[in-house]
Amino acid sequence: MTQTASHPPLGSFIRPVPAALYCYQVIQVIPDDEDGLECLFCKRFGYDPETQRPVQDGHQYIYYLKGLKQVMDGVWKDEWEFDTPRWTCVPLYWRKMHIDDVKIAGDSAAIQLSLF
């Protein structure tokens, strides 16, 4: 059963499914409005499969995900809207990573991971 749009929490990390050696941290959420779908701004991190944690790998760029649909608790589907075939490099699903030591600094969008 598909649920209506509920985004990953601010500061949380999500991983693509199928698994890859990177993950995203949600740093800002722009709600949907008349101009378009909800948009998540995310910071990219590497992923260490041994520790199962994000790592700074020198590629901490900002990406965005638009219009994710929650399909179950902690899992979101990226529904492709275009008539063209889906690029093989774009994940179809995203899963929330369970990391206990993520901190949001005050009321700002500054998010820290205590291991850095």
PDB file of N, CA and C in Angstrom:
ATOM      1  N   MET A   1       0.841  -1.178   0.000  1.00  0.00           N
ATOM      2  CA  MET A   1       0.000   0.000   0.000  1.00  0.00           C
ATOM      3  C   MET A   1       0.888   1.243   0.000  1.00  0.00           C
ATOM      4  N   THR A   2       0.679   2.150  -0.919  1.00  0.00           N
ATOM      5  CA  THR A   2       1.462   3.372  -1.045  1.00  0.00           C
ATOM      6  C   THR A   2       0.873   4.454  -0.157  1.00  0.00           C
ATOM      7  N   GLN A   3       1.752   5.146   0.581  1.00  0.00           N
ATOM      8  CA  GLN A   3       1.327   6.251   1.419  1.00  0.00           C
ATOM      9  C   GLN A   3       1.597   7.549   0.687  1.00  0.00           C
ATOM     10  N   THR A   4       0.923   8.605   1.110  1.00  0.00           N
ATOM     11  CA  THR A   4       1.176   9.899   0.486  1.00  0.00           C
ATOM     12  C   THR A   4       2.512  10.452   0.951  1.00  0.00           C
ATOM     13  N   ALA A   5       2.968  11.484   0.261  1.00  0.00           N
ATOM     14  CA  ALA A   5       4.326  12.014   0.436  1.00  0.00           C
ATOM     15  C   ALA A   5       4.649  12.327   1.887  1.00  0.00           C
ATOM     16  N   SER A   6       5.635  11.656   2.384  1.00  0.00           N
ATOM     17  CA  SER A   6       6.236  11.933   3.671  1.00  0.00           C
ATOM     18  C   SER A   6       7.726  11.784   3.440  1.00  0.00           C
ATOM     19  N   HIS A   7       8.461  12.845   3.675  1.00  0.00           N
ATOM     20  CA  HIS A   7       9.875  12.839   3.315  1.00  0.00           C
ATOM     21  C   HIS A   7      10.743  12.312   4.455  1.00  0.00           C
ATOM     22  N   PRO A   8      11.977  11.929   4.131  1.00  0.00           N
ATOM     23  CA  PRO A   8      12.922  11.552   5.183  1.00  0.00           C
ATOM     24  C   PRO A   8      13.168  12.752   6.097  1.00  0.00           C
ATOM     25  N   PRO A   9      13.383  12.515   7.371  1.00  0.00           N
ATOM     26  CA  PRO A   9      13.593  13.624   8.304  1.00  0.00           C
ATOM     27  C   PRO A   9      14.841  14.439   7.973  1.00  0.00           C
ATOM     28  N   LEU A  10      14.778  15.718   8.265  1.00  0.00           N
ATOM     29  CA  LEU A  10      15.910  16.611   8.085  1.00  0.00           C
ATOM     30  C   LEU A  10      17.096  16.078   8.892  1.00  0.00           C
ATOM     31  N   GLY A  11      18.258  15.976   8.263  1.00  0.00           N
ATOM     32  CA  GLY A  11      19.450  15.473   8.919  1.00  0.00           C
ATOM     33  C   GLY A  11      19.680  13.994   8.742  1.00  0.00           C
ATOM     34  N   SER A  12      18.651  13.270   8.270  1.00  0.00           N
ATOM     35  CA  SER A  12      18.807  11.829   8.112  1.00  0.00           C
ATOM     36  C   SER A  12      19.615  11.497   6.862  1.00  0.00           C
ATOM     37  N   PHE A  13      20.169  10.302   6.862  1.00  0.00           N
ATOM     38  CA  PHE A  13      20.904   9.791   5.714  1.00  0.00           C
ATOM     39  C   PHE A  13      20.042   8.750   5.012  1.00  0.00           C
ATOM     40  N   ILE A  14      20.069   8.789   3.680  1.00  0.00           N
ATOM     41  CA  ILE A  14      19.351   7.800   2.882  1.00  0.00           C
ATOM     42  C   ILE A  14      20.319   7.176   1.892  1.00  0.00           C
ATOM     43  N   ARG A  15      20.095   5.888   1.583  1.00  0.00           N
ATOM     44  CA  ARG A  15      20.946   5.150   0.643  1.00  0.00           C
ATOM     45  C   ARG A  15      20.117   4.695  -0.536  1.00  0.00           C
ATOM     46  N   PRO A  16      20.727   4.664  -1.711  1.00  0.00           N
ATOM     47  CA  PRO A  16      20.004   4.172  -2.879  1.00  0.00           C
ATOM     48  C   PRO A  16      19.827   2.656  -2.811  1.00  0.00           C
ATOM     49  N   VAL A  17      18.761   2.188  -3.426  1.00  0.00           N
ATOM     50  CA  VAL A  17      18.502   0.759  -3.600  1.00  0.00           C
ATOM     51  C   VAL A  17      18.345   0.551  -5.092  1.00  0.00           C
ATOM     52  N   PRO A  18      19.156  -0.297  -5.729  1.00  0.00           N
ATOM     53  CA  PRO A  18      20.150  -1.165  -5.109  1.00  0.00           C
ATOM     54  C   PRO A  18      21.308  -0.371  -4.515  1.00  0.00           C
ATOM     55  N   ALA A  19      22.011  -1.011  -3.573  1.00  0.00           N
ATOM     56  CA  ALA A  19      23.075  -0.360  -2.805  1.00  0.00           C
ATOM     57  C   ALA A  19      24.205   0.140  -3.702  1.00  0.00           C
ATOM     58  N   ALA A  20      24.775   1.269  -3.295  1.00  0.00           N
ATOM     59  CA  ALA A  20      25.922   1.866  -3.985  1.00  0.00           C
ATOM     60  C   ALA A  20      26.881   2.375  -2.909  1.00  0.00           C
ATOM     61  N   LEU A  21      28.038   2.825  -3.306  1.00  0.00           N
ATOM     62  CA  LEU A  21      29.040   3.295  -2.341  1.00  0.00           C
ATOM     63  C   LEU A  21      28.915   4.791  -2.080  1.00  0.00           C
ATOM     64  N   TYR A  22      27.676   5.271  -2.002  1.00  0.00           N
ATOM     65  CA  TYR A  22      27.410   6.654  -1.616  1.00  0.00           C
ATOM     66  C   TYR A  22      26.064   6.712  -0.910  1.00  0.00           C
ATOM     67  N   CYS A  23      25.824   7.825  -0.234  1.00  0.00           N
ATOM     68  CA  CYS A  23      24.546   8.067   0.419  1.00  0.00           C
ATOM     69  C   CYS A  23      24.315   9.574   0.403  1.00  0.00           C
ATOM     70  N   TYR A  24      23.108   9.990   0.743  1.00  0.00           N
ATOM     71  CA  TYR A  24      22.758  11.402   0.803  1.00  0.00           C
ATOM     72  C   TYR A  24      22.310  11.747   2.214  1.00  0.00           C
ATOM     73  N   GLN A  25      22.607  12.980   2.636  1.00  0.00           N
ATOM     74  CA  GLN A  25      22.063  13.515   3.871  1.00  0.00           C
ATOM     75  C   GLN A  25      21.068  14.610   3.517  1.00  0.00           C
ATOM     76  N   VAL A  26      19.859  14.514   4.051  1.00  0.00           N
ATOM     77  CA  VAL A  26      18.812  15.500   3.775  1.00  0.00           C
ATOM     78  C   VAL A  26      19.141  16.774   4.551  1.00  0.00           C
ATOM     79  N   ILE A  27      19.361  17.876   3.825  1.00  0.00           N
ATOM     80  CA  ILE A  27      19.744  19.128   4.492  1.00  0.00           C
ATOM     81  C   ILE A  27      18.677  20.216   4.393  1.00  0.00           C
ATOM     82  N   GLN A  28      17.735  20.069   3.453  1.00  0.00           N
ATOM     83  CA  GLN A  28      16.665  21.065   3.319  1.00  0.00           C
ATOM     84  C   GLN A  28      15.497  20.421   2.589  1.00  0.00           C
ATOM     85  N   VAL A  29      14.294  20.801   2.976  1.00  0.00           N
ATOM     86  CA  VAL A  29      13.085  20.302   2.316  1.00  0.00           C
ATOM     87  C   VAL A  29      12.265  21.498   1.865  1.00  0.00           C
ATOM     88  N   ILE A  30      11.964  21.535   0.573  1.00  0.00           N
ATOM     89  CA  ILE A  30      11.084  22.560   0.009  1.00  0.00           C
ATOM     90  C   ILE A  30       9.739  21.876  -0.257  1.00  0.00           C
ATOM     91  N   PRO A  31       8.675  22.286   0.453  1.00  0.00           N
ATOM     92  CA  PRO A  31       7.378  21.616   0.279  1.00  0.00           C
ATOM     93  C   PRO A  31       6.815  21.799  -1.127  1.00  0.00           C
ATOM     94  N   ASP A  32       5.939  20.887  -1.504  1.00  0.00           N
ATOM     95  CA  ASP A  32       5.301  21.030  -2.814  1.00  0.00           C
ATOM     96  C   ASP A  32       4.349  22.214  -2.786  1.00  0.00           C
ATOM     97  N   ASP A  33       4.182  22.820  -3.956  1.00  0.00           N
ATOM     98  CA  ASP A  33       3.292  23.956  -4.104  1.00  0.00           C
ATOM     99  C   ASP A  33       2.816  24.001  -5.553  1.00  0.00           C
ATOM    100  N   GLU A  34       2.229  25.104  -5.931  1.00  0.00           N
ATOM    101  CA  GLU A  34       1.698  25.221  -7.297  1.00  0.00           C
ATOM    102  C   GLU A  34       2.806  25.185  -8.354  1.00  0.00           C
ATOM    103  N   ASP A  35       4.047  25.442  -7.942  1.00  0.00           N
ATOM    104  CA  ASP A  35       5.167  25.428  -8.887  1.00  0.00           C
ATOM    105  C   ASP A  35       5.803  24.052  -9.069  1.00  0.00           C
ATOM    106  N   GLY A  36       5.450  23.106  -8.221  1.00  0.00           N
ATOM    107  CA  GLY A  36       6.049  21.786  -8.407  1.00  0.00           C
ATOM    108  C   GLY A  36       5.983  20.893  -7.186  1.00  0.00           C
ATOM    109  N   LEU A  37       6.637  19.735  -7.311  1.00  0.00           N
ATOM    110  CA  LEU A  37       6.659  18.716  -6.281  1.00  0.00           C
ATOM    111  C   LEU A  37       7.623  19.068  -5.154  1.00  0.00           C
ATOM    112  N   GLU A  38       7.432  18.413  -4.008  1.00  0.00           N
ATOM    113  CA  GLU A  38       8.348  18.558  -2.888  1.00  0.00           C
ATOM    114  C   GLU A  38       9.763  18.243  -3.345  1.00  0.00           C
ATOM    115  N   CYS A  39      10.734  19.023  -2.867  1.00  0.00           N
ATOM    116  CA  CYS A  39      12.122  18.864  -3.290  1.00  0.00           C
ATOM    117  C   CYS A  39      13.018  18.733  -2.060  1.00  0.00           C
ATOM    118  N   LEU A  40      13.835  17.681  -2.043  1.00  0.00           N
ATOM    119  CA  LEU A  40      14.806  17.481  -0.981  1.00  0.00           C
ATOM    120  C   LEU A  40      16.174  17.895  -1.485  1.00  0.00           C
ATOM    121  N   PHE A  41      16.844  18.780  -0.764  1.00  0.00           N
ATOM    122  CA  PHE A  41      18.233  19.114  -1.070  1.00  0.00           C
ATOM    123  C   PHE A  41      19.093  18.224  -0.182  1.00  0.00           C
ATOM    124  N   CYS A  42      20.034  17.537  -0.807  1.00  0.00           N
ATOM    125  CA  CYS A  42      20.827  16.534  -0.111  1.00  0.00           C
ATOM    126  C   CYS A  42      22.310  16.741  -0.368  1.00  0.00           C
ATOM    127  N   LYS A  43      23.097  16.437   0.648  1.00  0.00           N
ATOM    128  CA  LYS A  43      24.544  16.482   0.520  1.00  0.00           C
ATOM    129  C   LYS A  43      25.039  15.047   0.338  1.00  0.00           C
ATOM    130  N   ARG A  44      25.880  14.843  -0.678  1.00  0.00           N
ATOM    131  CA  ARG A  44      26.378  13.515  -0.988  1.00  0.00           C
ATOM    132  C   ARG A  44      27.555  13.164  -0.079  1.00  0.00           C
ATOM    133  N   PHE A  45      27.600  11.939   0.374  1.00  0.00           N
ATOM    134  CA  PHE A  45      28.709  11.377   1.132  1.00  0.00           C
ATOM    135  C   PHE A  45      29.071  10.033   0.519  1.00  0.00           C
ATOM    136  N   GLY A  46      30.303   9.606   0.726  1.00  0.00           N
ATOM    137  CA  GLY A  46      30.664   8.244   0.397  1.00  0.00           C
ATOM    138  C   GLY A  46      30.043   7.316   1.428  1.00  0.00           C
ATOM    139  N   TYR A  47      30.106   6.013   1.161  1.00  0.00           N
ATOM    140  CA  TYR A  47      29.556   5.025   2.086  1.00  0.00           C
ATOM    141  C   TYR A  47      30.611   3.957   2.322  1.00  0.00           C
ATOM    142  N   ASP A  48      30.925   3.688   3.588  1.00  0.00           N
ATOM    143  CA  ASP A  48      31.880   2.650   3.948  1.00  0.00           C
ATOM    144  C   ASP A  48      31.100   1.381   4.289  1.00  0.00           C
ATOM    145  N   PRO A  49      31.154   0.361   3.429  1.00  0.00           N
ATOM    146  CA  PRO A  49      30.368  -0.854   3.685  1.00  0.00           C
ATOM    147  C   PRO A  49      30.828  -1.618   4.927  1.00  0.00           C
ATOM    148  N   GLU A  50      32.087  -1.417   5.327  1.00  0.00           N
ATOM    149  CA  GLU A  50      32.592  -2.112   6.505  1.00  0.00           C
ATOM    150  C   GLU A  50      31.964  -1.573   7.791  1.00  0.00           C
ATOM    151  N   THR A  51      31.912  -0.248   7.914  1.00  0.00           N
ATOM    152  CA  THR A  51      31.324   0.363   9.104  1.00  0.00           C
ATOM    153  C   THR A  51      29.850   0.707   8.905  1.00  0.00           C
ATOM    154  N   GLN A  52      29.382   0.636   7.664  1.00  0.00           N
ATOM    155  CA  GLN A  52      28.005   0.987   7.287  1.00  0.00           C
ATOM    156  C   GLN A  52      27.664   2.411   7.693  1.00  0.00           C
ATOM    157  N   ARG A  53      28.631   3.316   7.438  1.00  0.00           N
ATOM    158  CA  ARG A  53      28.460   4.716   7.796  1.00  0.00           C
ATOM    159  C   ARG A  53      28.873   5.624   6.647  1.00  0.00           C
ATOM    160  N   PRO A  54      28.357   6.864   6.644  1.00  0.00           N
ATOM    161  CA  PRO A  54      28.798   7.842   5.658  1.00  0.00           C
ATOM    162  C   PRO A  54      30.242   8.253   5.926  1.00  0.00           C
ATOM    163  N   VAL A  55      30.954   8.572   4.866  1.00  0.00           N
ATOM    164  CA  VAL A  55      32.326   9.066   4.993  1.00  0.00           C
ATOM    165  C   VAL A  55      32.518  10.247   4.058  1.00  0.00           C
ATOM    166  N   GLN A  56      33.359  11.177   4.465  1.00  0.00           N
ATOM    167  CA  GLN A  56      33.702  12.287   3.587  1.00  0.00           C
ATOM    168  C   GLN A  56      34.726  11.759   2.588  1.00  0.00           C
ATOM    169  N   ASP A  57      34.348  11.761   1.323  1.00  0.00           N
ATOM    170  CA  ASP A  57      35.209  11.190   0.288  1.00  0.00           C
ATOM    171  C   ASP A  57      35.663  12.227  -0.734  1.00  0.00           C
ATOM    172  N   GLY A  58      35.479  13.515  -0.402  1.00  0.00           N
ATOM    173  CA  GLY A  58      35.899  14.568  -1.318  1.00  0.00           C
ATOM    174  C   GLY A  58      34.865  14.902  -2.380  1.00  0.00           C
ATOM    175  N   HIS A  59      33.691  14.275  -2.316  1.00  0.00           N
ATOM    176  CA  HIS A  59      32.633  14.518  -3.303  1.00  0.00           C
ATOM    177  C   HIS A  59      31.349  14.950  -2.603  1.00  0.00           C
ATOM    178  N   GLN A  60      31.447  15.902  -1.688  1.00  0.00           N
ATOM    179  CA  GLN A  60      30.292  16.341  -0.916  1.00  0.00           C
ATOM    180  C   GLN A  60      29.528  17.434  -1.665  1.00  0.00           C
ATOM    181  N   TYR A  61      28.963  17.068  -2.785  1.00  0.00           N
ATOM    182  CA  TYR A  61      28.185  17.999  -3.606  1.00  0.00           C
ATOM    183  C   TYR A  61      26.738  18.007  -3.144  1.00  0.00           C
ATOM    184  N   ILE A  62      26.009  19.031  -3.546  1.00  0.00           N
ATOM    185  CA  ILE A  62      24.586  19.126  -3.238  1.00  0.00           C
ATOM    186  C   ILE A  62      23.793  18.606  -4.431  1.00  0.00           C
ATOM    187  N   TYR A  63      22.871  17.706  -4.161  1.00  0.00           N
ATOM    188  CA  TYR A  63      21.975  17.141  -5.163  1.00  0.00           C
ATOM    189  C   TYR A  63      20.551  17.365  -4.685  1.00  0.00           C
ATOM    190  N   TYR A  64      19.599  17.146  -5.556  1.00  0.00           N
ATOM    191  CA  TYR A  64      18.217  17.224  -5.107  1.00  0.00           C
ATOM    192  C   TYR A  64      17.437  16.025  -5.605  1.00  0.00           C
ATOM    193  N   LEU A  65      16.418  15.678  -4.828  1.00  0.00           N
ATOM    194  CA  LEU A  65      15.477  14.619  -5.177  1.00  0.00           C
ATOM    195  C   LEU A  65      14.102  15.252  -5.151  1.00  0.00           C
ATOM    196  N   LYS A  66      13.318  14.992  -6.168  1.00  0.00           N
ATOM    197  CA  LYS A  66      12.033  15.665  -6.297  1.00  0.00           C
ATOM    198  C   LYS A  66      10.902  14.642  -6.352  1.00  0.00           C
ATOM    199  N   GLY A  67       9.871  14.889  -5.556  1.00  0.00           N
ATOM    200  CA  GLY A  67       8.651  14.095  -5.633  1.00  0.00           C
ATOM    201  C   GLY A  67       8.776  12.663  -5.159  1.00  0.00           C
ATOM    202  N   LEU A  68       9.600  12.407  -4.143  1.00  0.00           N
ATOM    203  CA  LEU A  68       9.692  11.039  -3.619  1.00  0.00           C
ATOM    204  C   LEU A  68       8.361  10.648  -2.990  1.00  0.00           C
ATOM    205  N   LYS A  69       7.995   9.397  -3.146  1.00  0.00           N
ATOM    206  CA  LYS A  69       6.759   8.864  -2.551  1.00  0.00           C
ATOM    207  C   LYS A  69       7.134   7.792  -1.547  1.00  0.00           C
ATOM    208  N   GLN A  70       6.638   7.935  -0.310  1.00  0.00           N
ATOM    209  CA  GLN A  70       6.915   6.922   0.700  1.00  0.00           C
ATOM    210  C   GLN A  70       6.094   5.680   0.386  1.00  0.00           C
ATOM    211  N   VAL A  71       6.764   4.531   0.303  1.00  0.00           N
ATOM    212  CA  VAL A  71       6.075   3.278  -0.008  1.00  0.00           C
ATOM    213  C   VAL A  71       5.979   2.368   1.208  1.00  0.00           C
ATOM    214  N   MET A  72       6.839   2.566   2.187  1.00  0.00           N
ATOM    215  CA  MET A  72       6.772   1.879   3.476  1.00  0.00           C
ATOM    216  C   MET A  72       7.639   2.660   4.457  1.00  0.00           C
ATOM    217  N   ASP A  73       7.590   2.277   5.707  1.00  0.00           N
ATOM    218  CA  ASP A  73       8.350   3.003   6.716  1.00  0.00           C
ATOM    219  C   ASP A  73       9.834   2.973   6.374  1.00  0.00           C
ATOM    220  N   GLY A  74      10.431   4.158   6.170  1.00  0.00           N
ATOM    221  CA  GLY A  74      11.849   4.271   5.883  1.00  0.00           C
ATOM    222  C   GLY A  74      12.264   3.973   4.454  1.00  0.00           C
ATOM    223  N   VAL A  75      11.292   3.877   3.533  1.00  0.00           N
ATOM    224  CA  VAL A  75      11.600   3.601   2.122  1.00  0.00           C
ATOM    225  C   VAL A  75      10.783   4.540   1.239  1.00  0.00           C
ATOM    226  N   TRP A  76      11.476   5.190   0.274  1.00  0.00           N
ATOM    227  CA  TRP A  76      10.837   6.120  -0.643  1.00  0.00           C
ATOM    228  C   TRP A  76      11.135   5.713  -2.073  1.00  0.00           C
ATOM    229  N   LYS A  77      10.167   5.923  -2.939  1.00  0.00           N
ATOM    230  CA  LYS A  77      10.319   5.607  -4.359  1.00  0.00           C
ATOM    231  C   LYS A  77      10.492   6.901  -5.144  1.00  0.00           C
ATOM    232  N   ASP A  78      11.470   6.892  -6.045  1.00  0.00           N
ATOM    233  CA  ASP A  78      11.682   8.005  -6.957  1.00  0.00           C
ATOM    234  C   ASP A  78      10.936   7.673  -8.234  1.00  0.00           C
ATOM    235  N   GLU A  79       9.762   8.254  -8.400  1.00  0.00           N
ATOM    236  CA  GLU A  79       8.941   7.952  -9.577  1.00  0.00           C
ATOM    237  C   GLU A  79       9.361   8.840 -10.727  1.00  0.00           C
ATOM    238  N   TRP A  80       9.792   8.226 -11.775  1.00  0.00           N
ATOM    239  CA  TRP A  80      10.271   8.920 -12.960  1.00  0.00           C
ATOM    240  C   TRP A  80       9.080   9.422 -13.740  1.00  0.00           C
ATOM    241  N   GLU A  81       9.023  10.720 -14.060  1.00  0.00           N
ATOM    242  CA  GLU A  81       7.853  11.306 -14.711  1.00  0.00           C
ATOM    243  C   GLU A  81       7.974  11.416 -16.222  1.00  0.00           C
ATOM    244  N   PHE A  82       9.181  11.228 -16.743  1.00  0.00           N
ATOM    245  CA  PHE A  82       9.409  11.512 -18.145  1.00  0.00           C
ATOM    246  C   PHE A  82       9.080  10.313 -19.030  1.00  0.00           C
ATOM    247  N   ASP A  83       8.791  10.578 -20.297  1.00  0.00           N
ATOM    248  CA  ASP A  83       8.454   9.518 -21.244  1.00  0.00           C
ATOM    249  C   ASP A  83       9.688   8.766 -21.723  1.00  0.00           C
ATOM    250  N   THR A  84      10.861   9.309 -21.458  1.00  0.00           N
ATOM    251  CA  THR A  84      12.086   8.650 -21.890  1.00  0.00           C
ATOM    252  C   THR A  84      12.445   7.534 -20.910  1.00  0.00           C
ATOM    253  N   PRO A  85      13.203   6.534 -21.361  1.00  0.00           N
ATOM    254  CA  PRO A  85      13.588   5.448 -20.446  1.00  0.00           C
ATOM    255  C   PRO A  85      14.418   5.971 -19.275  1.00  0.00           C
ATOM    256  N   ARG A  86      14.268   5.331 -18.150  1.00  0.00           N
ATOM    257  CA  ARG A  86      14.992   5.716 -16.941  1.00  0.00           C
ATOM    258  C   ARG A  86      16.478   5.428 -17.121  1.00  0.00           C
ATOM    259  N   TRP A  87      17.324   6.395 -16.731  1.00  0.00           N
ATOM    260  CA  TRP A  87      18.767   6.192 -16.792  1.00  0.00           C
ATOM    261  C   TRP A  87      19.140   5.114 -15.783  1.00  0.00           C
ATOM    262  N   THR A  88      20.019   4.233 -16.152  1.00  0.00           N
ATOM    263  CA  THR A  88      20.395   3.145 -15.259  1.00  0.00           C
ATOM    264  C   THR A  88      21.158   3.627 -14.040  1.00  0.00           C
ATOM    265  N   CYS A  89      21.711   4.836 -14.084  1.00  0.00           N
ATOM    266  CA  CYS A  89      22.481   5.331 -12.941  1.00  0.00           C
ATOM    267  C   CYS A  89      21.609   6.020 -11.899  1.00  0.00           C
ATOM    268  N   VAL A  90      20.312   6.118 -12.106  1.00  0.00           N
ATOM    269  CA  VAL A  90      19.426   6.803 -11.170  1.00  0.00           C
ATOM    270  C   VAL A  90      18.700   5.759 -10.321  1.00  0.00           C
ATOM    271  N   PRO A  91      18.872   5.808  -8.982  1.00  0.00           N
ATOM    272  CA  PRO A  91      18.204   4.825  -8.124  1.00  0.00           C
ATOM    273  C   PRO A  91      16.685   4.955  -8.186  1.00  0.00           C
ATOM    274  N   LEU A  92      16.017   3.850  -8.039  1.00  0.00           N
ATOM    275  CA  LEU A  92      14.566   3.830  -8.043  1.00  0.00           C
ATOM    276  C   LEU A  92      14.011   3.984  -6.627  1.00  0.00           C
ATOM    277  N   TYR A  93      14.713   3.445  -5.627  1.00  0.00           N
ATOM    278  CA  TYR A  93      14.276   3.505  -4.236  1.00  0.00           C
ATOM    279  C   TYR A  93      15.389   4.069  -3.360  1.00  0.00           C
ATOM    280  N   TRP A  94      14.983   4.666  -2.241  1.00  0.00           N
ATOM    281  CA  TRP A  94      15.916   5.185  -1.245  1.00  0.00           C
ATOM    282  C   TRP A  94      15.486   4.641   0.100  1.00  0.00           C
ATOM    283  N   ARG A  95      16.444   4.194   0.922  1.00  0.00           N
ATOM    284  CA  ARG A  95      16.171   3.633   2.249  1.00  0.00           C
ATOM    285  C   ARG A  95      16.879   4.468   3.310  1.00  0.00           C
ATOM    286  N   LYS A  96      16.164   4.760   4.403  1.00  0.00           N
ATOM    287  CA  LYS A  96      16.737   5.534   5.504  1.00  0.00           C
ATOM    288  C   LYS A  96      17.801   4.702   6.206  1.00  0.00           C
ATOM    289  N   MET A  97      18.941   5.332   6.474  1.00  0.00           N
ATOM    290  CA  MET A  97      20.005   4.706   7.249  1.00  0.00           C
ATOM    291  C   MET A  97      19.746   5.005   8.723  1.00  0.00           C
ATOM    292  N   HIS A  98      19.989   4.054   9.574  1.00  0.00           N
ATOM    293  CA  HIS A  98      19.758   4.247  11.007  1.00  0.00           C
ATOM    294  C   HIS A  98      21.089   4.572  11.674  1.00  0.00           C
ATOM    295  N   ILE A  99      21.321   5.881  11.859  1.00  0.00           N
ATOM    296  CA  ILE A  99      22.540   6.396  12.481  1.00  0.00           C
ATOM    297  C   ILE A  99      22.099   7.242  13.661  1.00  0.00           C
ATOM    298  N   ASP A 100      22.552   6.877  14.854  1.00  0.00           N
ATOM    299  CA  ASP A 100      22.068   7.524  16.071  1.00  0.00           C
ATOM    300  C   ASP A 100      22.750   8.841  16.405  1.00  0.00           C
ATOM    301  N   ASP A 101      23.948   9.099  15.854  1.00  0.00           N
ATOM    302  CA  ASP A 101      24.691  10.266  16.310  1.00  0.00           C
ATOM    303  C   ASP A 101      24.679  11.430  15.328  1.00  0.00           C
ATOM    304  N   VAL A 102      23.579  11.606  14.601  1.00  0.00           N
ATOM    305  CA  VAL A 102      23.412  12.768  13.732  1.00  0.00           C
ATOM    306  C   VAL A 102      22.815  13.890  14.574  1.00  0.00           C
ATOM    307  N   LYS A 103      23.402  15.070  14.489  1.00  0.00           N
ATOM    308  CA  LYS A 103      22.935  16.208  15.278  1.00  0.00           C
ATOM    309  C   LYS A 103      22.585  17.367  14.362  1.00  0.00           C
ATOM    310  N   ILE A 104      21.490  18.044  14.660  1.00  0.00           N
ATOM    311  CA  ILE A 104      21.112  19.257  13.945  1.00  0.00           C
ATOM    312  C   ILE A 104      21.468  20.428  14.854  1.00  0.00           C
ATOM    313  N   ALA A 105      22.283  21.332  14.350  1.00  0.00           N
ATOM    314  CA  ALA A 105      22.768  22.456  15.147  1.00  0.00           C
ATOM    315  C   ALA A 105      21.675  23.509  15.304  1.00  0.00           C
ATOM    316  N   GLY A 106      21.125  23.613  16.507  1.00  0.00           N
ATOM    317  CA  GLY A 106      20.098  24.607  16.803  1.00  0.00           C
ATOM    318  C   GLY A 106      18.912  24.496  15.870  1.00  0.00           C
ATOM    319  N   ASP A 107      18.430  25.624  15.402  1.00  0.00           N
ATOM    320  CA  ASP A 107      17.317  25.645  14.468  1.00  0.00           C
ATOM    321  C   ASP A 107      17.794  25.833  13.039  1.00  0.00           C
ATOM    322  N   SER A 108      19.105  25.787  12.821  1.00  0.00           N
ATOM    323  CA  SER A 108      19.631  26.044  11.490  1.00  0.00           C
ATOM    324  C   SER A 108      19.664  24.765  10.669  1.00  0.00           C
ATOM    325  N   ALA A 109      20.037  24.909   9.424  1.00  0.00           N
ATOM    326  CA  ALA A 109      20.159  23.759   8.540  1.00  0.00           C
ATOM    327  C   ALA A 109      21.530  23.112   8.664  1.00  0.00           C
ATOM    328  N   ALA A 110      22.358  23.586   9.583  1.00  0.00           N
ATOM    329  CA  ALA A 110      23.695  23.014   9.786  1.00  0.00           C
ATOM    330  C   ALA A 110      23.564  21.656  10.458  1.00  0.00           C
ATOM    331  N   ILE A 111      24.007  20.623   9.788  1.00  0.00           N
ATOM    332  CA  ILE A 111      23.856  19.264  10.282  1.00  0.00           C
ATOM    333  C   ILE A 111      25.244  18.657  10.437  1.00  0.00           C
ATOM    334  N   GLN A 112      25.463  17.972  11.548  1.00  0.00           N
ATOM    335  CA  GLN A 112      26.781  17.411  11.796  1.00  0.00           C
ATOM    336  C   GLN A 112      26.657  15.927  12.101  1.00  0.00           C
ATOM    337  N   LEU A 113      27.691  15.200  11.725  1.00  0.00           N
ATOM    338  CA  LEU A 113      27.788  13.802  12.099  1.00  0.00           C
ATOM    339  C   LEU A 113      28.945  13.724  13.079  1.00  0.00           C
ATOM    340  N   SER A 114      28.709  13.180  14.272  1.00  0.00           N
ATOM    341  CA  SER A 114      29.699  13.289  15.347  1.00  0.00           C
ATOM    342  C   SER A 114      31.016  12.592  15.040  1.00  0.00           C
ATOM    343  N   LEU A 115      31.083  11.695  14.075  1.00  0.00           N
ATOM    344  CA  LEU A 115      32.338  11.021  13.806  1.00  0.00           C
ATOM    345  C   LEU A 115      33.301  11.899  13.019  1.00  0.00           C
ATOM    346  N   PHE A 116      32.856  13.030  12.467  1.00  0.00           N
ATOM    347  CA  PHE A 116      33.758  13.876  11.666  1.00  0.00           C
ATOM    348  C   PHE A 116      34.500  14.843  12.540  1.00  0.00           C
TER     349      PHE A 116
END
